[in-house]
Amino acid sequence: MEAKKNIMTAEKKKMLEDEYYDIKNVKMKENSEKIKEARAQGDLSENAEYDAAKDEQAELAGRMAEIEEILKNAEIVDLSELDTDSINMGSTVTILDIEENEEMVYKLTGSLEANSDEGTLSIDSPLGAALMRSKTGDVVTVEAPIGEIQYKVLNFTPAELS
């Protein structure tokens, strides 16, 4: 089975590479010092500082492995090369929930960058996928547990202008 591609912008890839570098070259070294200092205190069986430092070491190593896996399967999207005549990754869209008469604004991103609290929506989500390649005035339908929900695209700004 082929690993799922992690679609992202070059900026997101750079952020992950910077985080990896920081963990490997700064945080892991700081953590090693904490472990060394805790060991110097003697009996490790009841040493809370040692236990905490070892836990932190495991978390840092886990995050490094996670970033390596993400980057190994990264697919970089150049937003400047995407179609600007329809909604695409990087577009900012204003939609109307037709039934609720509620407007929403989202920026479409890869799944790693999506955060509903920040107004970003994954292109892999049901709504994000439905919006892809639609245009102002289009009505898209999304299957939800409560049934079909229809959204009207009020307007959008292409990625290069968002």
N, C-alpha and C. Protein backbone atom coordinates (compact mmCIF):
# COMPACT_ATOMS: atom_id res chain seq x y z
N MET A 1 0.85 -1.19 0.00
CA MET A 1 0.00 0.00 0.00
C MET A 1 0.89 1.25 0.00
N GLU A 2 0.58 2.16 -0.88
CA GLU A 2 1.35 3.39 -0.99
C GLU A 2 0.96 4.36 0.12
N ALA A 3 1.96 5.02 0.70
CA ALA A 3 1.71 5.98 1.77
C ALA A 3 0.95 7.18 1.22
N LYS A 4 0.09 7.73 2.04
CA LYS A 4 -0.69 8.90 1.66
C LYS A 4 0.25 10.09 1.48
N LYS A 5 0.08 10.80 0.39
CA LYS A 5 0.88 11.99 0.12
C LYS A 5 0.45 13.11 1.07
N ASN A 6 1.42 13.84 1.55
CA ASN A 6 1.16 15.00 2.40
C ASN A 6 1.30 16.23 1.52
N ILE A 7 0.17 16.73 1.05
CA ILE A 7 0.16 17.88 0.15
C ILE A 7 0.39 19.13 0.99
N MET A 8 1.38 19.93 0.58
CA MET A 8 1.71 21.14 1.34
C MET A 8 2.40 22.16 0.45
N THR A 9 2.46 23.36 0.96
CA THR A 9 3.19 24.42 0.27
C THR A 9 4.67 24.32 0.62
N ALA A 10 5.49 24.99 -0.15
CA ALA A 10 6.92 25.03 0.14
C ALA A 10 7.16 25.68 1.50
N GLU A 11 6.32 26.64 1.87
CA GLU A 11 6.46 27.31 3.17
C GLU A 11 6.23 26.33 4.32
N LYS A 12 5.23 25.47 4.19
CA LYS A 12 4.95 24.47 5.22
C LYS A 12 6.10 23.48 5.32
N LYS A 13 6.64 23.07 4.18
CA LYS A 13 7.78 22.15 4.19
C LYS A 13 8.96 22.79 4.92
N LYS A 14 9.22 24.06 4.63
CA LYS A 14 10.32 24.77 5.29
C LYS A 14 10.09 24.85 6.79
N MET A 15 8.85 25.11 7.21
CA MET A 15 8.54 25.16 8.64
C MET A 15 8.85 23.83 9.31
N LEU A 16 8.48 22.74 8.66
CA LEU A 16 8.75 21.41 9.22
C LEU A 16 10.24 21.12 9.26
N GLU A 17 10.96 21.49 8.21
CA GLU A 17 12.41 21.30 8.20
C GLU A 17 13.08 22.11 9.31
N ASP A 18 12.61 23.34 9.50
CA ASP A 18 13.16 24.18 10.57
C ASP A 18 12.87 23.59 11.95
N GLU A 19 11.64 23.07 12.13
CA GLU A 19 11.29 22.45 13.41
C GLU A 19 12.17 21.23 13.66
N TYR A 20 12.38 20.41 12.65
CA TYR A 20 13.23 19.22 12.77
C TYR A 20 14.65 19.63 13.16
N TYR A 21 15.20 20.62 12.47
CA TYR A 21 16.54 21.10 12.76
C TYR A 21 16.64 21.59 14.21
N ASP A 22 15.63 22.34 14.65
CA ASP A 22 15.62 22.88 16.02
C ASP A 22 15.59 21.75 17.04
N ILE A 23 14.75 20.75 16.81
CA ILE A 23 14.68 19.63 17.75
C ILE A 23 16.02 18.90 17.79
N LYS A 24 16.54 18.58 16.62
CA LYS A 24 17.77 17.79 16.53
C LYS A 24 18.98 18.52 17.09
N ASN A 25 19.12 19.79 16.75
CA ASN A 25 20.35 20.52 17.08
C ASN A 25 20.27 21.41 18.31
N VAL A 26 19.06 21.67 18.81
CA VAL A 26 18.95 22.52 19.99
C VAL A 26 18.27 21.76 21.14
N LYS A 27 17.05 21.34 20.91
CA LYS A 27 16.28 20.73 22.00
C LYS A 27 16.84 19.40 22.47
N MET A 28 17.32 18.57 21.56
CA MET A 28 17.89 17.29 21.97
C MET A 28 19.18 17.50 22.77
N LYS A 29 19.96 18.49 22.39
CA LYS A 29 21.19 18.78 23.14
C LYS A 29 20.86 19.31 24.53
N GLU A 30 19.86 20.19 24.61
CA GLU A 30 19.42 20.69 25.92
C GLU A 30 18.91 19.53 26.77
N ASN A 31 18.17 18.64 26.15
CA ASN A 31 17.63 17.48 26.86
C ASN A 31 18.75 16.57 27.35
N SER A 32 19.77 16.37 26.55
CA SER A 32 20.91 15.54 26.97
C SER A 32 21.58 16.13 28.20
N GLU A 33 21.67 17.45 28.26
CA GLU A 33 22.24 18.11 29.44
C GLU A 33 21.37 17.88 30.68
N LYS A 34 20.06 17.93 30.50
CA LYS A 34 19.14 17.67 31.62
C LYS A 34 19.33 16.26 32.15
N ILE A 35 19.47 15.30 31.24
CA ILE A 35 19.66 13.91 31.65
C ILE A 35 20.99 13.76 32.37
N LYS A 36 22.01 14.39 31.83
CA LYS A 36 23.34 14.33 32.44
C LYS A 36 23.31 14.92 33.86
N GLU A 37 22.66 16.06 34.02
CA GLU A 37 22.56 16.69 35.35
C GLU A 37 21.76 15.83 36.31
N ALA A 38 20.69 15.21 35.84
CA ALA A 38 19.86 14.36 36.69
C ALA A 38 20.63 13.12 37.12
N ARG A 39 21.43 12.56 36.21
CA ARG A 39 22.26 11.40 36.56
C ARG A 39 23.28 11.75 37.64
N ALA A 40 23.78 12.95 37.56
CA ALA A 40 24.80 13.39 38.53
C ALA A 40 24.25 13.48 39.94
N GLN A 41 22.92 13.53 40.06
CA GLN A 41 22.29 13.62 41.39
C GLN A 41 22.29 12.29 42.11
N GLY A 42 22.66 11.21 41.43
CA GLY A 42 22.75 9.92 42.10
C GLY A 42 21.61 9.00 41.76
N ASP A 43 20.98 8.41 42.77
CA ASP A 43 19.93 7.39 42.64
C ASP A 43 18.87 7.80 41.62
N LEU A 44 18.80 7.05 40.51
CA LEU A 44 17.87 7.37 39.44
C LEU A 44 16.47 6.80 39.67
N SER A 45 16.34 5.86 40.60
CA SER A 45 15.06 5.19 40.80
C SER A 45 13.97 6.12 41.32
N GLU A 46 14.36 7.16 42.03
CA GLU A 46 13.36 8.11 42.56
C GLU A 46 13.69 9.54 42.16
N ASN A 47 14.24 9.68 40.96
CA ASN A 47 14.68 10.98 40.49
C ASN A 47 13.67 11.51 39.47
N ALA A 48 12.81 12.42 39.91
CA ALA A 48 11.75 12.97 39.05
C ALA A 48 12.32 13.75 37.88
N GLU A 49 13.42 14.46 38.08
CA GLU A 49 14.04 15.22 37.00
C GLU A 49 14.53 14.29 35.89
N TYR A 50 15.09 13.16 36.29
CA TYR A 50 15.58 12.19 35.31
C TYR A 50 14.41 11.61 34.52
N ASP A 51 13.35 11.23 35.23
CA ASP A 51 12.17 10.67 34.56
C ASP A 51 11.56 11.68 33.59
N ALA A 52 11.45 12.93 34.01
CA ALA A 52 10.89 13.97 33.16
C ALA A 52 11.76 14.20 31.92
N ALA A 53 13.07 14.20 32.11
CA ALA A 53 13.99 14.41 30.99
C ALA A 53 13.93 13.24 30.01
N LYS A 54 13.81 12.02 30.52
CA LYS A 54 13.69 10.85 29.64
C LYS A 54 12.37 10.89 28.87
N ASP A 55 11.28 11.31 29.55
CA ASP A 55 9.99 11.45 28.87
C ASP A 55 10.09 12.49 27.75
N GLU A 56 10.74 13.61 28.06
CA GLU A 56 10.92 14.67 27.06
C GLU A 56 11.74 14.16 25.89
N GLN A 57 12.77 13.38 26.17
CA GLN A 57 13.61 12.81 25.12
C GLN A 57 12.77 11.93 24.18
N ALA A 58 11.90 11.11 24.76
CA ALA A 58 11.03 10.25 23.96
C ALA A 58 10.07 11.08 23.10
N GLU A 59 9.51 12.15 23.67
CA GLU A 59 8.60 13.02 22.91
C GLU A 59 9.33 13.69 21.75
N LEU A 60 10.53 14.18 22.01
CA LEU A 60 11.31 14.84 20.96
C LEU A 60 11.66 13.85 19.84
N ALA A 61 12.08 12.65 20.22
CA ALA A 61 12.42 11.64 19.22
C ALA A 61 11.17 11.25 18.42
N GLY A 62 10.04 11.16 19.09
CA GLY A 62 8.79 10.84 18.40
C GLY A 62 8.41 11.91 17.40
N ARG A 63 8.56 13.17 17.79
CA ARG A 63 8.22 14.26 16.88
C ARG A 63 9.18 14.29 15.69
N MET A 64 10.46 13.99 15.93
CA MET A 64 11.41 13.94 14.82
C MET A 64 11.02 12.84 13.83
N ALA A 65 10.63 11.68 14.34
CA ALA A 65 10.22 10.58 13.47
C ALA A 65 8.97 10.94 12.69
N GLU A 66 8.04 11.64 13.36
CA GLU A 66 6.81 12.08 12.70
C GLU A 66 7.12 13.04 11.55
N ILE A 67 8.00 14.00 11.81
CA ILE A 67 8.37 14.97 10.78
C ILE A 67 9.07 14.27 9.62
N GLU A 68 9.96 13.33 9.92
CA GLU A 68 10.65 12.58 8.86
C GLU A 68 9.64 11.88 7.96
N GLU A 69 8.63 11.25 8.57
CA GLU A 69 7.61 10.53 7.80
C GLU A 69 6.78 11.50 6.94
N ILE A 70 6.42 12.64 7.52
CA ILE A 70 5.66 13.66 6.77
C ILE A 70 6.46 14.14 5.57
N LEU A 71 7.72 14.46 5.80
CA LEU A 71 8.55 14.99 4.71
C LEU A 71 8.85 13.93 3.66
N LYS A 72 8.96 12.68 4.08
CA LYS A 72 9.23 11.59 3.13
C LYS A 72 8.09 11.46 2.13
N ASN A 73 6.89 11.77 2.57
CA ASN A 73 5.71 11.66 1.70
C ASN A 73 5.17 13.02 1.26
N ALA A 74 6.02 14.03 1.33
CA ALA A 74 5.58 15.38 0.98
C ALA A 74 5.39 15.55 -0.52
N GLU A 75 4.33 16.22 -0.86
CA GLU A 75 4.10 16.63 -2.25
C GLU A 75 3.91 18.14 -2.22
N ILE A 76 4.87 18.85 -2.78
CA ILE A 76 4.86 20.30 -2.72
C ILE A 76 4.03 20.87 -3.86
N VAL A 77 3.13 21.78 -3.51
CA VAL A 77 2.28 22.43 -4.49
C VAL A 77 2.75 23.87 -4.64
N ASP A 78 3.04 24.25 -5.87
CA ASP A 78 3.41 25.63 -6.17
C ASP A 78 2.12 26.38 -6.47
N LEU A 79 1.69 27.19 -5.50
CA LEU A 79 0.41 27.88 -5.63
C LEU A 79 0.35 28.80 -6.84
N SER A 80 1.50 29.30 -7.27
CA SER A 80 1.51 30.21 -8.41
C SER A 80 1.20 29.50 -9.72
N GLU A 81 1.29 28.17 -9.73
CA GLU A 81 1.02 27.41 -10.95
C GLU A 81 -0.41 26.89 -11.03
N LEU A 82 -1.22 27.13 -10.01
CA LEU A 82 -2.59 26.61 -9.99
C LEU A 82 -3.53 27.50 -10.78
N ASP A 83 -4.58 26.88 -11.28
CA ASP A 83 -5.62 27.58 -12.03
C ASP A 83 -6.25 28.67 -11.15
N THR A 84 -6.34 29.87 -11.66
CA THR A 84 -6.93 30.98 -10.89
C THR A 84 -8.38 31.25 -11.29
N ASP A 85 -8.90 30.48 -12.25
CA ASP A 85 -10.28 30.68 -12.69
C ASP A 85 -11.28 29.91 -11.83
N SER A 86 -10.78 29.00 -11.00
CA SER A 86 -11.66 28.24 -10.11
C SER A 86 -10.97 28.05 -8.77
N ILE A 87 -11.73 27.59 -7.80
CA ILE A 87 -11.20 27.40 -6.44
C ILE A 87 -10.18 26.27 -6.46
N ASN A 88 -9.07 26.52 -5.78
CA ASN A 88 -7.98 25.57 -5.72
C ASN A 88 -7.30 25.70 -4.37
N MET A 89 -6.33 24.84 -4.11
CA MET A 89 -5.57 24.96 -2.86
C MET A 89 -5.01 26.37 -2.77
N GLY A 90 -5.11 26.96 -1.59
CA GLY A 90 -4.62 28.31 -1.38
C GLY A 90 -5.67 29.38 -1.59
N SER A 91 -6.78 29.03 -2.23
CA SER A 91 -7.85 30.00 -2.44
C SER A 91 -8.53 30.34 -1.12
N THR A 92 -8.98 31.57 -1.01
CA THR A 92 -9.83 31.97 0.11
C THR A 92 -11.24 32.07 -0.45
N VAL A 93 -12.18 31.35 0.19
CA VAL A 93 -13.54 31.27 -0.32
C VAL A 93 -14.55 31.76 0.70
N THR A 94 -15.57 32.42 0.21
CA THR A 94 -16.72 32.79 1.04
C THR A 94 -17.88 31.96 0.53
N ILE A 95 -18.46 31.18 1.45
CA ILE A 95 -19.57 30.31 1.07
C ILE A 95 -20.77 30.59 1.96
N LEU A 96 -21.92 30.17 1.47
CA LEU A 96 -23.17 30.33 2.21
C LEU A 96 -23.77 28.96 2.44
N ASP A 97 -24.01 28.61 3.71
CA ASP A 97 -24.77 27.40 4.03
C ASP A 97 -26.21 27.76 3.70
N ILE A 98 -26.73 27.18 2.63
CA ILE A 98 -28.03 27.57 2.11
C ILE A 98 -29.15 27.36 3.12
N GLU A 99 -29.17 26.21 3.79
CA GLU A 99 -30.24 25.92 4.74
C GLU A 99 -30.18 26.81 5.98
N GLU A 100 -28.98 27.04 6.49
CA GLU A 100 -28.81 27.84 7.71
C GLU A 100 -28.69 29.33 7.42
N ASN A 101 -28.53 29.70 6.14
CA ASN A 101 -28.31 31.08 5.73
C ASN A 101 -27.14 31.70 6.50
N GLU A 102 -26.04 30.94 6.57
CA GLU A 102 -24.86 31.36 7.33
C GLU A 102 -23.66 31.43 6.39
N GLU A 103 -22.97 32.59 6.41
CA GLU A 103 -21.77 32.76 5.60
C GLU A 103 -20.55 32.29 6.37
N MET A 104 -19.61 31.69 5.64
CA MET A 104 -18.35 31.24 6.22
C MET A 104 -17.22 31.58 5.25
N VAL A 105 -16.06 31.86 5.81
CA VAL A 105 -14.88 32.15 5.00
C VAL A 105 -13.78 31.16 5.39
N TYR A 106 -13.20 30.52 4.38
CA TYR A 106 -12.12 29.56 4.61
C TYR A 106 -11.00 29.77 3.61
N LYS A 107 -9.81 29.42 4.02
CA LYS A 107 -8.69 29.32 3.10
C LYS A 107 -8.42 27.83 2.94
N LEU A 108 -8.36 27.34 1.70
CA LEU A 108 -8.14 25.92 1.45
C LEU A 108 -6.65 25.60 1.52
N THR A 109 -6.34 24.56 2.30
CA THR A 109 -4.94 24.18 2.53
C THR A 109 -4.81 22.66 2.44
N GLY A 110 -3.57 22.20 2.55
CA GLY A 110 -3.33 20.77 2.71
C GLY A 110 -3.76 20.35 4.10
N SER A 111 -3.93 19.07 4.32
CA SER A 111 -4.46 18.60 5.61
C SER A 111 -3.55 18.95 6.78
N LEU A 112 -2.25 19.04 6.57
CA LEU A 112 -1.33 19.36 7.66
C LEU A 112 -1.46 20.82 8.11
N GLU A 113 -1.95 21.67 7.24
CA GLU A 113 -2.06 23.09 7.56
C GLU A 113 -3.46 23.49 8.00
N ALA A 114 -4.42 22.58 7.87
CA ALA A 114 -5.82 22.90 8.18
C ALA A 114 -6.02 23.09 9.68
N ASN A 115 -6.77 24.13 10.03
CA ASN A 115 -7.08 24.43 11.42
C ASN A 115 -8.34 25.29 11.42
N SER A 116 -9.46 24.69 11.80
CA SER A 116 -10.73 25.42 11.72
C SER A 116 -10.74 26.66 12.60
N ASP A 117 -9.98 26.64 13.70
CA ASP A 117 -9.91 27.82 14.56
C ASP A 117 -9.25 29.00 13.85
N GLU A 118 -8.42 28.70 12.86
CA GLU A 118 -7.72 29.74 12.11
C GLU A 118 -8.36 29.99 10.75
N GLY A 119 -9.50 29.34 10.49
CA GLY A 119 -10.21 29.58 9.24
C GLY A 119 -9.60 28.88 8.04
N THR A 120 -8.84 27.81 8.28
CA THR A 120 -8.29 27.05 7.17
C THR A 120 -9.01 25.71 7.08
N LEU A 121 -9.17 25.23 5.87
CA LEU A 121 -9.95 24.03 5.60
C LEU A 121 -9.15 23.13 4.67
N SER A 122 -9.04 21.85 5.02
CA SER A 122 -8.28 20.90 4.22
C SER A 122 -9.00 20.60 2.90
N ILE A 123 -8.20 20.51 1.85
CA ILE A 123 -8.75 20.11 0.55
C ILE A 123 -9.17 18.65 0.57
N ASP A 124 -8.75 17.91 1.59
CA ASP A 124 -9.11 16.50 1.74
C ASP A 124 -10.41 16.31 2.51
N SER A 125 -10.89 17.37 3.16
CA SER A 125 -12.14 17.27 3.91
C SER A 125 -13.30 17.21 2.93
N PRO A 126 -14.46 16.70 3.35
CA PRO A 126 -15.59 16.65 2.42
C PRO A 126 -15.96 18.01 1.82
N LEU A 127 -16.00 19.05 2.65
CA LEU A 127 -16.33 20.38 2.13
C LEU A 127 -15.21 20.91 1.24
N GLY A 128 -13.97 20.77 1.68
CA GLY A 128 -12.84 21.24 0.88
C GLY A 128 -12.80 20.57 -0.48
N ALA A 129 -12.99 19.24 -0.50
CA ALA A 129 -12.98 18.50 -1.77
C ALA A 129 -14.12 18.95 -2.68
N ALA A 130 -15.29 19.21 -2.09
CA ALA A 130 -16.45 19.65 -2.89
C ALA A 130 -16.21 21.04 -3.49
N LEU A 131 -15.49 21.88 -2.78
CA LEU A 131 -15.25 23.24 -3.26
C LEU A 131 -14.19 23.30 -4.36
N MET A 132 -13.29 22.33 -4.39
CA MET A 132 -12.21 22.35 -5.37
C MET A 132 -12.78 22.45 -6.79
N ARG A 133 -12.22 23.37 -7.56
CA ARG A 133 -12.55 23.61 -8.97
C ARG A 133 -13.93 24.20 -9.20
N SER A 134 -14.61 24.60 -8.14
CA SER A 134 -15.89 25.28 -8.33
C SER A 134 -15.62 26.77 -8.51
N LYS A 135 -16.67 27.51 -8.86
CA LYS A 135 -16.53 28.94 -9.15
C LYS A 135 -17.61 29.72 -8.43
N THR A 136 -17.46 31.03 -8.43
CA THR A 136 -18.47 31.90 -7.83
C THR A 136 -19.83 31.61 -8.44
N GLY A 137 -20.82 31.43 -7.56
CA GLY A 137 -22.19 31.14 -8.00
C GLY A 137 -22.52 29.66 -7.99
N ASP A 138 -21.50 28.79 -7.98
CA ASP A 138 -21.75 27.34 -7.95
C ASP A 138 -22.34 26.93 -6.61
N VAL A 139 -23.15 25.87 -6.65
CA VAL A 139 -23.68 25.26 -5.43
C VAL A 139 -23.05 23.87 -5.34
N VAL A 140 -22.43 23.59 -4.19
CA VAL A 140 -21.81 22.28 -3.97
C VAL A 140 -22.59 21.55 -2.88
N THR A 141 -22.62 20.23 -3.00
CA THR A 141 -23.33 19.40 -2.04
C THR A 141 -22.32 18.53 -1.30
N VAL A 142 -22.47 18.49 0.03
CA VAL A 142 -21.57 17.70 0.87
C VAL A 142 -22.40 16.69 1.65
N GLU A 143 -21.96 15.43 1.60
CA GLU A 143 -22.61 14.39 2.39
C GLU A 143 -22.13 14.51 3.83
N ALA A 144 -23.08 14.61 4.75
CA ALA A 144 -22.77 14.70 6.18
C ALA A 144 -23.61 13.67 6.92
N PRO A 145 -23.25 13.35 8.15
CA PRO A 145 -24.04 12.39 8.92
C PRO A 145 -25.52 12.78 9.03
N ILE A 146 -25.80 14.07 8.99
CA ILE A 146 -27.20 14.53 9.10
C ILE A 146 -27.89 14.61 7.74
N GLY A 147 -27.17 14.27 6.69
CA GLY A 147 -27.72 14.33 5.34
C GLY A 147 -26.92 15.27 4.46
N GLU A 148 -27.45 15.58 3.31
CA GLU A 148 -26.76 16.46 2.38
C GLU A 148 -26.86 17.92 2.83
N ILE A 149 -25.73 18.62 2.71
CA ILE A 149 -25.71 20.05 3.01
C ILE A 149 -25.25 20.76 1.75
N GLN A 150 -25.96 21.83 1.40
CA GLN A 150 -25.60 22.57 0.20
C GLN A 150 -25.00 23.93 0.58
N TYR A 151 -23.95 24.26 -0.14
CA TYR A 151 -23.26 25.53 0.05
C TYR A 151 -23.18 26.25 -1.28
N LYS A 152 -23.40 27.55 -1.25
CA LYS A 152 -23.25 28.36 -2.46
C LYS A 152 -21.95 29.13 -2.35
N VAL A 153 -21.16 29.12 -3.40
CA VAL A 153 -19.91 29.88 -3.44
C VAL A 153 -20.27 31.33 -3.74
N LEU A 154 -20.06 32.20 -2.75
CA LEU A 154 -20.37 33.62 -2.94
C LEU A 154 -19.25 34.33 -3.68
N ASN A 155 -18.02 34.01 -3.32
CA ASN A 155 -16.85 34.53 -4.05
C ASN A 155 -15.60 33.79 -3.59
N PHE A 156 -14.53 34.01 -4.33
CA PHE A 156 -13.24 33.42 -3.94
C PHE A 156 -12.11 34.28 -4.45
N THR A 157 -10.99 34.16 -3.76
CA THR A 157 -9.77 34.83 -4.17
C THR A 157 -8.75 33.73 -4.46
N PRO A 158 -8.17 33.71 -5.65
CA PRO A 158 -7.20 32.66 -5.97
C PRO A 158 -5.99 32.69 -5.03
N ALA A 159 -5.28 31.60 -4.99
CA ALA A 159 -4.14 31.42 -4.10
C ALA A 159 -3.12 32.57 -4.19
N GLU A 160 -2.80 32.95 -5.40
CA GLU A 160 -1.75 33.96 -5.55
C GLU A 160 -2.16 35.34 -5.03
N LEU A 161 -3.46 35.55 -4.80
CA LEU A 161 -3.93 36.84 -4.30
C LEU A 161 -4.41 36.75 -2.85
N SER A 162 -4.51 35.53 -2.29
CA SER A 162 -5.04 35.34 -0.93
C SER A 162 -4.08 35.87 0.11
